[in-house]
């Protein structure tokens, strides 16, 4: 049975230290999305423990599509929040946003399959 990692260790870095880590581990900046953050955390942990480092390159097309989807999801969350506050958004704005999300998901699926 694999032991679960349940102890969190936070480290603060300067911008130059973050750039150096990103260069050392071949991770593109900015390190904003969770996949890059996890990759960096895994590499820092493995380096500190003397383990083998993994260099995974995230497909830039998929990454940009997921970033676009994250923005659309944020917009949808804002509409839901406005609705819950009784500042109901127009039906047209909800329809347009849902349609954008659907198209983005279709694009991600098609790109991933090819």
PDB file of N, CA and C in Angstrom:
ATOM      1  N   UNK A   1       0.843  -1.186   0.000  1.00  0.00           N
ATOM      2  CA  UNK A   1       0.000   0.000   0.000  1.00  0.00           C
ATOM      3  C   UNK A   1       0.884   1.244   0.000  1.00  0.00           C
ATOM      4  N   UNK A   2       0.567   2.185  -0.863  1.00  0.00           N
ATOM      5  CA  UNK A   2       1.344   3.406  -0.985  1.00  0.00           C
ATOM      6  C   UNK A   2       0.947   4.384   0.111  1.00  0.00           C
ATOM      7  N   UNK A   3       1.960   4.960   0.723  1.00  0.00           N
ATOM      8  CA  UNK A   3       1.707   5.934   1.782  1.00  0.00           C
ATOM      9  C   UNK A   3       1.205   7.239   1.163  1.00  0.00           C
ATOM     10  N   UNK A   4       0.158   7.803   1.753  1.00  0.00           N
ATOM     11  CA  UNK A   4      -0.438   9.037   1.237  1.00  0.00           C
ATOM     12  C   UNK A   4       0.339  10.251   1.742  1.00  0.00           C
ATOM     13  N   UNK A   5       0.557  11.184   0.820  1.00  0.00           N
ATOM     14  CA  UNK A   5       1.211  12.439   1.208  1.00  0.00           C
ATOM     15  C   UNK A   5       0.154  13.360   1.813  1.00  0.00           C
ATOM     16  N   UNK A   6       0.272  13.629   3.097  1.00  0.00           N
ATOM     17  CA  UNK A   6      -0.719  14.477   3.752  1.00  0.00           C
ATOM     18  C   UNK A   6      -0.078  15.612   4.553  1.00  0.00           C
ATOM     19  N   UNK A   7       1.215  15.801   4.391  1.00  0.00           N
ATOM     20  CA  UNK A   7       1.903  16.902   5.064  1.00  0.00           C
ATOM     21  C   UNK A   7       2.269  17.942   4.010  1.00  0.00           C
ATOM     22  N   UNK A   8       1.812  19.155   4.236  1.00  0.00           N
ATOM     23  CA  UNK A   8       2.055  20.237   3.268  1.00  0.00           C
ATOM     24  C   UNK A   8       3.250  21.062   3.727  1.00  0.00           C
ATOM     25  N   UNK A   9       4.119  21.386   2.773  1.00  0.00           N
ATOM     26  CA  UNK A   9       5.270  22.235   3.028  1.00  0.00           C
ATOM     27  C   UNK A   9       5.225  23.377   2.027  1.00  0.00           C
ATOM     28  N   UNK A  10       5.084  24.593   2.512  1.00  0.00           N
ATOM     29  CA  UNK A  10       5.032  25.762   1.625  1.00  0.00           C
ATOM     30  C   UNK A  10       6.391  26.442   1.600  1.00  0.00           C
ATOM     31  N   UNK A  11       6.782  26.887   0.424  1.00  0.00           N
ATOM     32  CA  UNK A  11       8.061  27.561   0.250  1.00  0.00           C
ATOM     33  C   UNK A  11       7.815  28.839  -0.542  1.00  0.00           C
ATOM     34  N   UNK A  12       8.368  29.937  -0.080  1.00  0.00           N
ATOM     35  CA  UNK A  12       8.266  31.201  -0.804  1.00  0.00           C
ATOM     36  C   UNK A  12       9.532  31.405  -1.624  1.00  0.00           C
ATOM     37  N   UNK A  13       9.356  31.859  -2.858  1.00  0.00           N
ATOM     38  CA  UNK A  13      10.465  32.080  -3.778  1.00  0.00           C
ATOM     39  C   UNK A  13      10.445  33.504  -4.299  1.00  0.00           C
ATOM     40  N   UNK A  14      11.611  33.973  -4.708  1.00  0.00           N
ATOM     41  CA  UNK A  14      11.662  35.233  -5.441  1.00  0.00           C
ATOM     42  C   UNK A  14      11.338  34.918  -6.900  1.00  0.00           C
ATOM     43  N   UNK A  15      11.077  35.963  -7.692  1.00  0.00           N
ATOM     44  CA  UNK A  15      10.812  35.760  -9.118  1.00  0.00           C
ATOM     45  C   UNK A  15      11.994  35.074  -9.794  1.00  0.00           C
ATOM     46  N   UNK A  16      13.210  35.495  -9.447  1.00  0.00           N
ATOM     47  CA  UNK A  16      14.391  34.895 -10.087  1.00  0.00           C
ATOM     48  C   UNK A  16      14.560  33.435  -9.672  1.00  0.00           C
ATOM     49  N   UNK A  17      14.244  33.108  -8.424  1.00  0.00           N
ATOM     50  CA  UNK A  17      14.312  31.705  -7.992  1.00  0.00           C
ATOM     51  C   UNK A  17      13.278  30.859  -8.729  1.00  0.00           C
ATOM     52  N   UNK A  18      12.080  31.411  -8.919  1.00  0.00           N
ATOM     53  CA  UNK A  18      11.053  30.682  -9.657  1.00  0.00           C
ATOM     54  C   UNK A  18      11.497  30.445 -11.098  1.00  0.00           C
ATOM     55  N   UNK A  19      12.090  31.474 -11.724  1.00  0.00           N
ATOM     56  CA  UNK A  19      12.598  31.320 -13.098  1.00  0.00           C
ATOM     57  C   UNK A  19      13.675  30.244 -13.160  1.00  0.00           C
ATOM     58  N   UNK A  20      14.571  30.252 -12.170  1.00  0.00           N
ATOM     59  CA  UNK A  20      15.656  29.272 -12.148  1.00  0.00           C
ATOM     60  C   UNK A  20      15.105  27.854 -11.989  1.00  0.00           C
ATOM     61  N   UNK A  21      14.139  27.676 -11.083  1.00  0.00           N
ATOM     62  CA  UNK A  21      13.516  26.352 -10.923  1.00  0.00           C
ATOM     63  C   UNK A  21      12.820  25.923 -12.207  1.00  0.00           C
ATOM     64  N   UNK A  22      12.082  26.839 -12.815  1.00  0.00           N
ATOM     65  CA  UNK A  22      11.376  26.514 -14.057  1.00  0.00           C
ATOM     66  C   UNK A  22      12.368  26.120 -15.147  1.00  0.00           C
ATOM     67  N   UNK A  23      13.486  26.842 -15.239  1.00  0.00           N
ATOM     68  CA  UNK A  23      14.513  26.497 -16.228  1.00  0.00           C
ATOM     69  C   UNK A  23      15.121  25.133 -15.924  1.00  0.00           C
ATOM     70  N   UNK A  24      15.458  24.909 -14.659  1.00  0.00           N
ATOM     71  CA  UNK A  24      16.077  23.636 -14.270  1.00  0.00           C
ATOM     72  C   UNK A  24      15.173  22.446 -14.562  1.00  0.00           C
ATOM     73  N   UNK A  25      13.882  22.618 -14.370  1.00  0.00           N
ATOM     74  CA  UNK A  25      12.940  21.508 -14.542  1.00  0.00           C
ATOM     75  C   UNK A  25      12.192  21.575 -15.869  1.00  0.00           C
ATOM     76  N   UNK A  26      12.647  22.482 -16.758  1.00  0.00           N
ATOM     77  CA  UNK A  26      12.072  22.594 -18.108  1.00  0.00           C
ATOM     78  C   UNK A  26      10.558  22.832 -18.088  1.00  0.00           C
ATOM     79  N   UNK A  27      10.142  23.796 -17.268  1.00  0.00           N
ATOM     80  CA  UNK A  27       8.729  24.161 -17.151  1.00  0.00           C
ATOM     81  C   UNK A  27       8.583  25.600 -17.635  1.00  0.00           C
ATOM     82  N   UNK A  28       7.642  25.832 -18.535  1.00  0.00           N
ATOM     83  CA  UNK A  28       7.414  27.178 -19.059  1.00  0.00           C
ATOM     84  C   UNK A  28       6.732  28.053 -18.018  1.00  0.00           C
ATOM     85  N   UNK A  29       7.155  29.311 -17.973  1.00  0.00           N
ATOM     86  CA  UNK A  29       6.494  30.285 -17.107  1.00  0.00           C
ATOM     87  C   UNK A  29       5.371  30.942 -17.877  1.00  0.00           C
ATOM     88  N   UNK A  30       4.338  31.462 -17.265  1.00  0.00           N
ATOM     89  CA  UNK A  30       4.087  31.457 -15.829  1.00  0.00           C
ATOM     90  C   UNK A  30       3.596  30.091 -15.355  1.00  0.00           C
ATOM     91  N   UNK A  31       3.843  29.819 -14.096  1.00  0.00           N
ATOM     92  CA  UNK A  31       3.427  28.544 -13.515  1.00  0.00           C
ATOM     93  C   UNK A  31       2.087  28.781 -12.827  1.00  0.00           C
ATOM     94  N   UNK A  32       1.067  29.022 -13.626  1.00  0.00           N
ATOM     95  CA  UNK A  32      -0.246  29.385 -13.086  1.00  0.00           C
ATOM     96  C   UNK A  32      -1.188  28.193 -13.027  1.00  0.00           C
ATOM     97  N   UNK A  33      -1.085  27.288 -13.980  1.00  0.00           N
ATOM     98  CA  UNK A  33      -2.058  26.198 -13.990  1.00  0.00           C
ATOM     99  C   UNK A  33      -1.607  25.054 -13.081  1.00  0.00           C
ATOM    100  N   UNK A  34      -2.565  24.251 -12.653  1.00  0.00           N
ATOM    101  CA  UNK A  34      -2.306  23.204 -11.669  1.00  0.00           C
ATOM    102  C   UNK A  34      -1.363  22.123 -12.175  1.00  0.00           C
ATOM    103  N   UNK A  35      -1.406  21.811 -13.462  1.00  0.00           N
ATOM    104  CA  UNK A  35      -0.520  20.774 -13.999  1.00  0.00           C
ATOM    105  C   UNK A  35       0.941  21.187 -13.843  1.00  0.00           C
ATOM    106  N   UNK A  36       1.239  22.453 -14.153  1.00  0.00           N
ATOM    107  CA  UNK A  36       2.612  22.945 -14.003  1.00  0.00           C
ATOM    108  C   UNK A  36       3.009  23.015 -12.533  1.00  0.00           C
ATOM    109  N   UNK A  37       2.084  23.454 -11.683  1.00  0.00           N
ATOM    110  CA  UNK A  37       2.381  23.539 -10.254  1.00  0.00           C
ATOM    111  C   UNK A  37       2.682  22.161  -9.678  1.00  0.00           C
ATOM    112  N   UNK A  38       1.893  21.164 -10.079  1.00  0.00           N
ATOM    113  CA  UNK A  38       2.113  19.802  -9.594  1.00  0.00           C
ATOM    114  C   UNK A  38       3.437  19.265 -10.104  1.00  0.00           C
ATOM    115  N   UNK A  39       3.739  19.516 -11.375  1.00  0.00           N
ATOM    116  CA  UNK A  39       4.997  19.048 -11.951  1.00  0.00           C
ATOM    117  C   UNK A  39       6.184  19.660 -11.208  1.00  0.00           C
ATOM    118  N   UNK A  40       6.114  20.962 -10.933  1.00  0.00           N
ATOM    119  CA  UNK A  40       7.195  21.630 -10.215  1.00  0.00           C
ATOM    120  C   UNK A  40       7.319  21.076  -8.798  1.00  0.00           C
ATOM    121  N   UNK A  41       6.195  20.926  -8.104  1.00  0.00           N
ATOM    122  CA  UNK A  41       6.222  20.393  -6.738  1.00  0.00           C
ATOM    123  C   UNK A  41       6.807  18.980  -6.718  1.00  0.00           C
ATOM    124  N   UNK A  42       6.390  18.141  -7.667  1.00  0.00           N
ATOM    125  CA  UNK A  42       6.917  16.771  -7.741  1.00  0.00           C
ATOM    126  C   UNK A  42       8.423  16.781  -7.965  1.00  0.00           C
ATOM    127  N   UNK A  43       8.886  17.638  -8.880  1.00  0.00           N
ATOM    128  CA  UNK A  43      10.316  17.693  -9.171  1.00  0.00           C
ATOM    129  C   UNK A  43      11.125  18.230  -7.995  1.00  0.00           C
ATOM    130  N   UNK A  44      10.617  19.251  -7.308  1.00  0.00           N
ATOM    131  CA  UNK A  44      11.318  19.797  -6.142  1.00  0.00           C
ATOM    132  C   UNK A  44      11.399  18.731  -5.051  1.00  0.00           C
ATOM    133  N   UNK A  45      10.288  18.036  -4.792  1.00  0.00           N
ATOM    134  CA  UNK A  45      10.277  16.975  -3.778  1.00  0.00           C
ATOM    135  C   UNK A  45      11.261  15.863  -4.151  1.00  0.00           C
ATOM    136  N   UNK A  46      11.200  15.406  -5.405  1.00  0.00           N
ATOM    137  CA  UNK A  46      12.082  14.323  -5.835  1.00  0.00           C
ATOM    138  C   UNK A  46      13.551  14.735  -5.785  1.00  0.00           C
ATOM    139  N   UNK A  47      13.850  15.983  -6.167  1.00  0.00           N
ATOM    140  CA  UNK A  47      15.233  16.465  -6.107  1.00  0.00           C
ATOM    141  C   UNK A  47      15.718  16.503  -4.659  1.00  0.00           C
ATOM    142  N   UNK A  48      14.868  16.987  -3.758  1.00  0.00           N
ATOM    143  CA  UNK A  48      15.243  17.071  -2.345  1.00  0.00           C
ATOM    144  C   UNK A  48      15.448  15.689  -1.731  1.00  0.00           C
ATOM    145  N   UNK A  49      14.696  14.704  -2.222  1.00  0.00           N
ATOM    146  CA  UNK A  49      14.803  13.341  -1.689  1.00  0.00           C
ATOM    147  C   UNK A  49      15.794  12.483  -2.475  1.00  0.00           C
ATOM    148  N   UNK A  50      16.452  13.075  -3.470  1.00  0.00           N
ATOM    149  CA  UNK A  50      17.444  12.342  -4.248  1.00  0.00           C
ATOM    150  C   UNK A  50      16.853  11.324  -5.203  1.00  0.00           C
ATOM    151  N   UNK A  51      15.608  11.523  -5.595  1.00  0.00           N
ATOM    152  CA  UNK A  51      14.945  10.593  -6.512  1.00  0.00           C
ATOM    153  C   UNK A  51      15.085  11.072  -7.949  1.00  0.00           C
ATOM    154  N   UNK A  52      14.726  10.190  -8.878  1.00  0.00           N
ATOM    155  CA  UNK A  52      14.784  10.497 -10.303  1.00  0.00           C
ATOM    156  C   UNK A  52      13.765  11.593 -10.635  1.00  0.00           C
ATOM    157  N   UNK A  53      14.199  12.539 -11.460  1.00  0.00           N
ATOM    158  CA  UNK A  53      13.315  13.632 -11.860  1.00  0.00           C
ATOM    159  C   UNK A  53      12.614  13.283 -13.156  1.00  0.00           C
ATOM    160  N   UNK A  54      11.367  13.708 -13.261  1.00  0.00           N
ATOM    161  CA  UNK A  54      10.585  13.482 -14.469  1.00  0.00           C
ATOM    162  C   UNK A  54      10.368  14.812 -15.170  1.00  0.00           C
ATOM    163  N   UNK A  55      10.574  14.798 -16.479  1.00  0.00           N
ATOM    164  CA  UNK A  55      10.354  15.995 -17.280  1.00  0.00           C
ATOM    165  C   UNK A  55       9.231  15.706 -18.254  1.00  0.00           C
ATOM    166  N   UNK A  56       8.065  16.202 -17.932  1.00  0.00           N
ATOM    167  CA  UNK A  56       6.904  16.021 -18.801  1.00  0.00           C
ATOM    168  C   UNK A  56       6.603  17.350 -19.468  1.00  0.00           C
ATOM    169  N   UNK A  57       6.488  17.315 -20.763  1.00  0.00           N
ATOM    170  CA  UNK A  57       6.160  18.530 -21.503  1.00  0.00           C
ATOM    171  C   UNK A  57       4.660  18.531 -21.757  1.00  0.00           C
ATOM    172  N   UNK A  58       3.991  19.568 -21.281  1.00  0.00           N
ATOM    173  CA  UNK A  58       2.557  19.696 -21.505  1.00  0.00           C
ATOM    174  C   UNK A  58       2.345  20.191 -22.929  1.00  0.00           C
ATOM    175  N   UNK A  59       1.452  19.537 -23.638  1.00  0.00           N
ATOM    176  CA  UNK A  59       1.137  19.935 -25.004  1.00  0.00           C
ATOM    177  C   UNK A  59       0.628  21.376 -24.983  1.00  0.00           C
ATOM    178  N   UNK A  60       1.326  22.314 -25.669  1.00  0.00           N
ATOM    179  CA  UNK A  60       0.916  23.724 -25.598  1.00  0.00           C
ATOM    180  C   UNK A  60      -0.482  23.981 -26.142  1.00  0.00           C
ATOM    181  N   UNK A  61      -0.922  23.185 -27.120  1.00  0.00           N
ATOM    182  CA  UNK A  61      -2.274  23.368 -27.655  1.00  0.00           C
ATOM    183  C   UNK A  61      -3.295  22.972 -26.599  1.00  0.00           C
ATOM    184  N   UNK A  62      -3.100  21.807 -25.994  1.00  0.00           N
ATOM    185  CA  UNK A  62      -4.024  21.357 -24.950  1.00  0.00           C
ATOM    186  C   UNK A  62      -4.005  22.328 -23.777  1.00  0.00           C
ATOM    187  N   UNK A  63      -2.825  22.818 -23.431  1.00  0.00           N
ATOM    188  CA  UNK A  63      -2.716  23.748 -22.315  1.00  0.00           C
ATOM    189  C   UNK A  63      -3.517  25.012 -22.585  1.00  0.00           C
ATOM    190  N   UNK A  64      -3.404  25.568 -23.784  1.00  0.00           N
ATOM    191  CA  UNK A  64      -4.146  26.796 -24.089  1.00  0.00           C
ATOM    192  C   UNK A  64      -5.646  26.530 -24.107  1.00  0.00           C
ATOM    193  N   UNK A  65      -6.048  25.335 -24.556  1.00  0.00           N
ATOM    194  CA  UNK A  65      -7.473  24.999 -24.561  1.00  0.00           C
ATOM    195  C   UNK A  65      -8.000  24.865 -23.136  1.00  0.00           C
ATOM    196  N   UNK A  66      -7.217  24.254 -22.261  1.00  0.00           N
ATOM    197  CA  UNK A  66      -7.658  24.125 -20.878  1.00  0.00           C
ATOM    198  C   UNK A  66      -7.690  25.479 -20.179  1.00  0.00           C
ATOM    199  N   UNK A  67      -6.757  26.362 -20.523  1.00  0.00           N
ATOM    200  CA  UNK A  67      -6.786  27.715 -19.963  1.00  0.00           C
ATOM    201  C   UNK A  67      -8.035  28.451 -20.422  1.00  0.00           C
ATOM    202  N   UNK A  68      -8.391  28.286 -21.705  1.00  0.00           N
ATOM    203  CA  UNK A  68      -9.610  28.903 -22.237  1.00  0.00           C
ATOM    204  C   UNK A  68     -10.829  28.342 -21.517  1.00  0.00           C
ATOM    205  N   UNK A  69     -10.853  27.035 -21.316  1.00  0.00           N
ATOM    206  CA  UNK A  69     -11.973  26.408 -20.624  1.00  0.00           C
ATOM    207  C   UNK A  69     -12.063  26.898 -19.178  1.00  0.00           C
ATOM    208  N   UNK A  70     -10.923  27.102 -18.538  1.00  0.00           N
ATOM    209  CA  UNK A  70     -10.925  27.610 -17.163  1.00  0.00           C
ATOM    210  C   UNK A  70     -11.535  29.008 -17.104  1.00  0.00           C
ATOM    211  N   UNK A  71     -11.202  29.855 -18.088  1.00  0.00           N
ATOM    212  CA  UNK A  71     -11.794  31.205 -18.121  1.00  0.00           C
ATOM    213  C   UNK A  71     -13.302  31.135 -18.326  1.00  0.00           C
ATOM    214  N   UNK A  72     -13.734  30.251 -19.235  1.00  0.00           N
ATOM    215  CA  UNK A  72     -15.172  30.103 -19.482  1.00  0.00           C
ATOM    216  C   UNK A  72     -15.881  29.574 -18.235  1.00  0.00           C
ATOM    217  N   UNK A  73     -15.246  28.646 -17.548  1.00  0.00           N
ATOM    218  CA  UNK A  73     -15.834  28.106 -16.318  1.00  0.00           C
ATOM    219  C   UNK A  73     -15.969  29.192 -15.266  1.00  0.00           C
ATOM    220  N   UNK A  74     -14.972  30.060 -15.204  1.00  0.00           N
ATOM    221  CA  UNK A  74     -15.027  31.175 -14.264  1.00  0.00           C
ATOM    222  C   UNK A  74     -16.200  32.095 -14.596  1.00  0.00           C
ATOM    223  N   UNK A  75     -16.397  32.360 -15.893  1.00  0.00           N
ATOM    224  CA  UNK A  75     -17.528  33.195 -16.311  1.00  0.00           C
ATOM    225  C   UNK A  75     -18.854  32.544 -15.933  1.00  0.00           C
ATOM    226  N   UNK A  76     -18.944  31.237 -16.138  1.00  0.00           N
ATOM    227  CA  UNK A  76     -20.171  30.521 -15.783  1.00  0.00           C
ATOM    228  C   UNK A  76     -20.408  30.587 -14.276  1.00  0.00           C
ATOM    229  N   UNK A  77     -19.349  30.468 -13.503  1.00  0.00           N
ATOM    230  CA  UNK A  77     -19.466  30.559 -12.052  1.00  0.00           C
ATOM    231  C   UNK A  77     -19.952  31.951 -11.639  1.00  0.00           C
ATOM    232  N   UNK A  78     -19.474  32.984 -12.312  1.00  0.00           N
ATOM    233  CA  UNK A  78     -19.927  34.347 -12.012  1.00  0.00           C
ATOM    234  C   UNK A  78     -21.411  34.518 -12.319  1.00  0.00           C
ATOM    235  N   UNK A  79     -21.861  33.918 -13.428  1.00  0.00           N
ATOM    236  CA  UNK A  79     -23.292  33.984 -13.760  1.00  0.00           C
ATOM    237  C   UNK A  79     -24.125  33.248 -12.714  1.00  0.00           C
ATOM    238  N   UNK A  80     -23.642  32.084 -12.284  1.00  0.00           N
ATOM    239  CA  UNK A  80     -24.366  31.325 -11.256  1.00  0.00           C
ATOM    240  C   UNK A  80     -24.417  32.121  -9.955  1.00  0.00           C
ATOM    241  N   UNK A  81     -23.316  32.765  -9.614  1.00  0.00           N
ATOM    242  CA  UNK A  81     -23.273  33.578  -8.399  1.00  0.00           C
ATOM    243  C   UNK A  81     -24.262  34.742  -8.499  1.00  0.00           C
ATOM    244  N   UNK A  82     -24.287  35.408  -9.638  1.00  0.00           N
ATOM    245  CA  UNK A  82     -25.227  36.518  -9.841  1.00  0.00           C
ATOM    246  C   UNK A  82     -26.664  36.023  -9.744  1.00  0.00           C
ATOM    247  N   UNK A  83     -26.926  34.855 -10.310  1.00  0.00           N
ATOM    248  CA  UNK A  83     -28.270  34.281 -10.255  1.00  0.00           C
ATOM    249  C   UNK A  83     -28.665  34.002  -8.804  1.00  0.00           C
ATOM    250  N   UNK A  84     -27.732  33.446  -8.034  1.00  0.00           N
ATOM    251  CA  UNK A  84     -28.021  33.132  -6.632  1.00  0.00           C
ATOM    252  C   UNK A  84     -28.238  34.382  -5.792  1.00  0.00           C
ATOM    253  N   UNK A  85     -27.674  35.499  -6.217  1.00  0.00           N
ATOM    254  CA  UNK A  85     -27.884  36.767  -5.513  1.00  0.00           C
ATOM    255  C   UNK A  85     -29.116  37.504  -6.022  1.00  0.00           C
ATOM    256  N   UNK A  86     -29.856  36.848  -6.905  1.00  0.00           N
ATOM    257  CA  UNK A  86     -31.077  37.396  -7.511  1.00  0.00           C
ATOM    258  C   UNK A  86     -30.788  38.525  -8.489  1.00  0.00           C
ATOM    259  N   UNK A  87     -29.525  38.657  -8.902  1.00  0.00           N
ATOM    260  CA  UNK A  87     -29.164  39.575  -9.988  1.00  0.00           C
ATOM    261  C   UNK A  87     -29.140  38.745 -11.260  1.00  0.00           C
ATOM    262  N   UNK A  88     -30.275  38.201 -11.584  1.00  0.00           N
ATOM    263  CA  UNK A  88     -30.356  37.200 -12.644  1.00  0.00           C
ATOM    264  C   UNK A  88     -29.806  37.718 -13.966  1.00  0.00           C
ATOM    265  N   UNK A  89     -28.828  36.975 -14.540  1.00  0.00           N
ATOM    266  CA  UNK A  89     -28.316  37.362 -15.860  1.00  0.00           C
ATOM    267  C   UNK A  89     -29.360  37.068 -16.925  1.00  0.00           C
ATOM    268  N   UNK A  90     -29.207  37.703 -18.055  1.00  0.00           N
ATOM    269  CA  UNK A  90     -30.169  37.474 -19.131  1.00  0.00           C
ATOM    270  C   UNK A  90     -30.026  36.051 -19.657  1.00  0.00           C
ATOM    271  N   UNK A  91     -31.122  35.532 -20.153  1.00  0.00           N
ATOM    272  CA  UNK A  91     -31.119  34.188 -20.730  1.00  0.00           C
ATOM    273  C   UNK A  91     -30.140  34.120 -21.889  1.00  0.00           C
ATOM    274  N   UNK A  92     -30.053  35.185 -22.657  1.00  0.00           N
ATOM    275  CA  UNK A  92     -29.148  35.214 -23.810  1.00  0.00           C
ATOM    276  C   UNK A  92     -27.691  35.091 -23.371  1.00  0.00           C
ATOM    277  N   UNK A  93     -27.309  35.780 -22.292  1.00  0.00           N
ATOM    278  CA  UNK A  93     -25.913  35.703 -21.846  1.00  0.00           C
ATOM    279  C   UNK A  93     -25.574  34.305 -21.336  1.00  0.00           C
ATOM    280  N   UNK A  94     -26.516  33.674 -20.640  1.00  0.00           N
ATOM    281  CA  UNK A  94     -26.297  32.297 -20.176  1.00  0.00           C
ATOM    282  C   UNK A  94     -26.193  31.355 -21.370  1.00  0.00           C
ATOM    283  N   UNK A  95     -27.094  31.499 -22.330  1.00  0.00           N
ATOM    284  CA  UNK A  95     -27.079  30.647 -23.518  1.00  0.00           C
ATOM    285  C   UNK A  95     -25.761  30.798 -24.276  1.00  0.00           C
ATOM    286  N   UNK A  96     -25.322  32.047 -24.466  1.00  0.00           N
ATOM    287  CA  UNK A  96     -24.074  32.292 -25.194  1.00  0.00           C
ATOM    288  C   UNK A  96     -22.875  31.674 -24.484  1.00  0.00           C
ATOM    289  N   UNK A  97     -22.822  31.815 -23.176  1.00  0.00           N
ATOM    290  CA  UNK A  97     -21.699  31.262 -22.427  1.00  0.00           C
ATOM    291  C   UNK A  97     -21.703  29.739 -22.458  1.00  0.00           C
ATOM    292  N   UNK A  98     -22.853  29.134 -22.268  1.00  0.00           N
ATOM    293  CA  UNK A  98     -22.945  27.670 -22.326  1.00  0.00           C
ATOM    294  C   UNK A  98     -22.545  27.177 -23.715  1.00  0.00           C
ATOM    295  N   UNK A  99     -22.940  27.896 -24.744  1.00  0.00           N
ATOM    296  CA  UNK A  99     -22.558  27.525 -26.103  1.00  0.00           C
ATOM    297  C   UNK A  99     -21.043  27.632 -26.298  1.00  0.00           C
ATOM    298  N   UNK A 100     -20.416  28.685 -25.756  1.00  0.00           N
ATOM    299  CA  UNK A 100     -18.955  28.825 -25.836  1.00  0.00           C
ATOM    300  C   UNK A 100     -18.260  27.662 -25.140  1.00  0.00           C
ATOM    301  N   UNK A 101     -18.767  27.277 -23.971  1.00  0.00           N
ATOM    302  CA  UNK A 101     -18.179  26.156 -23.230  1.00  0.00           C
ATOM    303  C   UNK A 101     -18.328  24.865 -24.023  1.00  0.00           C
ATOM    304  N   UNK A 102     -19.500  24.656 -24.605  1.00  0.00           N
ATOM    305  CA  UNK A 102     -19.735  23.445 -25.402  1.00  0.00           C
ATOM    306  C   UNK A 102     -18.759  23.379 -26.569  1.00  0.00           C
ATOM    307  N   UNK A 103     -18.587  24.496 -27.274  1.00  0.00           N
ATOM    308  CA  UNK A 103     -17.662  24.527 -28.410  1.00  0.00           C
ATOM    309  C   UNK A 103     -16.219  24.300 -27.963  1.00  0.00           C
ATOM    310  N   UNK A 104     -15.854  24.879 -26.822  1.00  0.00           N
ATOM    311  CA  UNK A 104     -14.494  24.676 -26.307  1.00  0.00           C
ATOM    312  C   UNK A 104     -14.266  23.210 -25.960  1.00  0.00           C
ATOM    313  N   UNK A 105     -15.258  22.579 -25.327  1.00  0.00           N
ATOM    314  CA  UNK A 105     -15.138  21.157 -24.988  1.00  0.00           C
ATOM    315  C   UNK A 105     -15.041  20.299 -26.240  1.00  0.00           C
ATOM    316  N   UNK A 106     -15.834  20.616 -27.243  1.00  0.00           N
ATOM    317  CA  UNK A 106     -15.756  19.867 -28.503  1.00  0.00           C
ATOM    318  C   UNK A 106     -14.378  20.022 -29.135  1.00  0.00           C
ATOM    319  N   UNK A 107     -13.841  21.215 -29.100  1.00  0.00           N
ATOM    320  CA  UNK A 107     -12.518  21.474 -29.668  1.00  0.00           C
ATOM    321  C   UNK A 107     -11.444  20.695 -28.925  1.00  0.00           C
ATOM    322  N   UNK A 108     -11.524  20.659 -27.594  1.00  0.00           N
ATOM    323  CA  UNK A 108     -10.557  19.902 -26.797  1.00  0.00           C
ATOM    324  C   UNK A 108     -10.666  18.422 -27.117  1.00  0.00           C
ATOM    325  N   UNK A 109     -11.884  17.908 -27.201  1.00  0.00           N
ATOM    326  CA  UNK A 109     -12.089  16.492 -27.488  1.00  0.00           C
ATOM    327  C   UNK A 109     -11.544  16.138 -28.862  1.00  0.00           C
ATOM    328  N   UNK A 110     -11.846  16.947 -29.856  1.00  0.00           N
ATOM    329  CA  UNK A 110     -11.381  16.679 -31.222  1.00  0.00           C
ATOM    330  C   UNK A 110      -9.859  16.745 -31.283  1.00  0.00           C
ATOM    331  N   UNK A 111      -9.249  17.747 -30.661  1.00  0.00           N
ATOM    332  CA  UNK A 111      -7.795  17.883 -30.677  1.00  0.00           C
ATOM    333  C   UNK A 111      -7.127  16.728 -29.948  1.00  0.00           C
ATOM    334  N   UNK A 112      -7.723  16.290 -28.842  1.00  0.00           N
ATOM    335  CA  UNK A 112      -7.145  15.211 -28.039  1.00  0.00           C
ATOM    336  C   UNK A 112      -7.187  13.889 -28.791  1.00  0.00           C
ATOM    337  N   UNK A 113      -8.239  13.671 -29.574  1.00  0.00           N
ATOM    338  CA  UNK A 113      -8.390  12.412 -30.298  1.00  0.00           C
ATOM    339  C   UNK A 113      -7.473  12.335 -31.499  1.00  0.00           C
ATOM    340  N   UNK A 114      -7.118  13.470 -32.093  1.00  0.00           N
ATOM    341  CA  UNK A 114      -6.296  13.423 -33.311  1.00  0.00           C
ATOM    342  C   UNK A 114      -4.821  13.413 -33.009  1.00  0.00           C
TER     343      UNK A 114
END
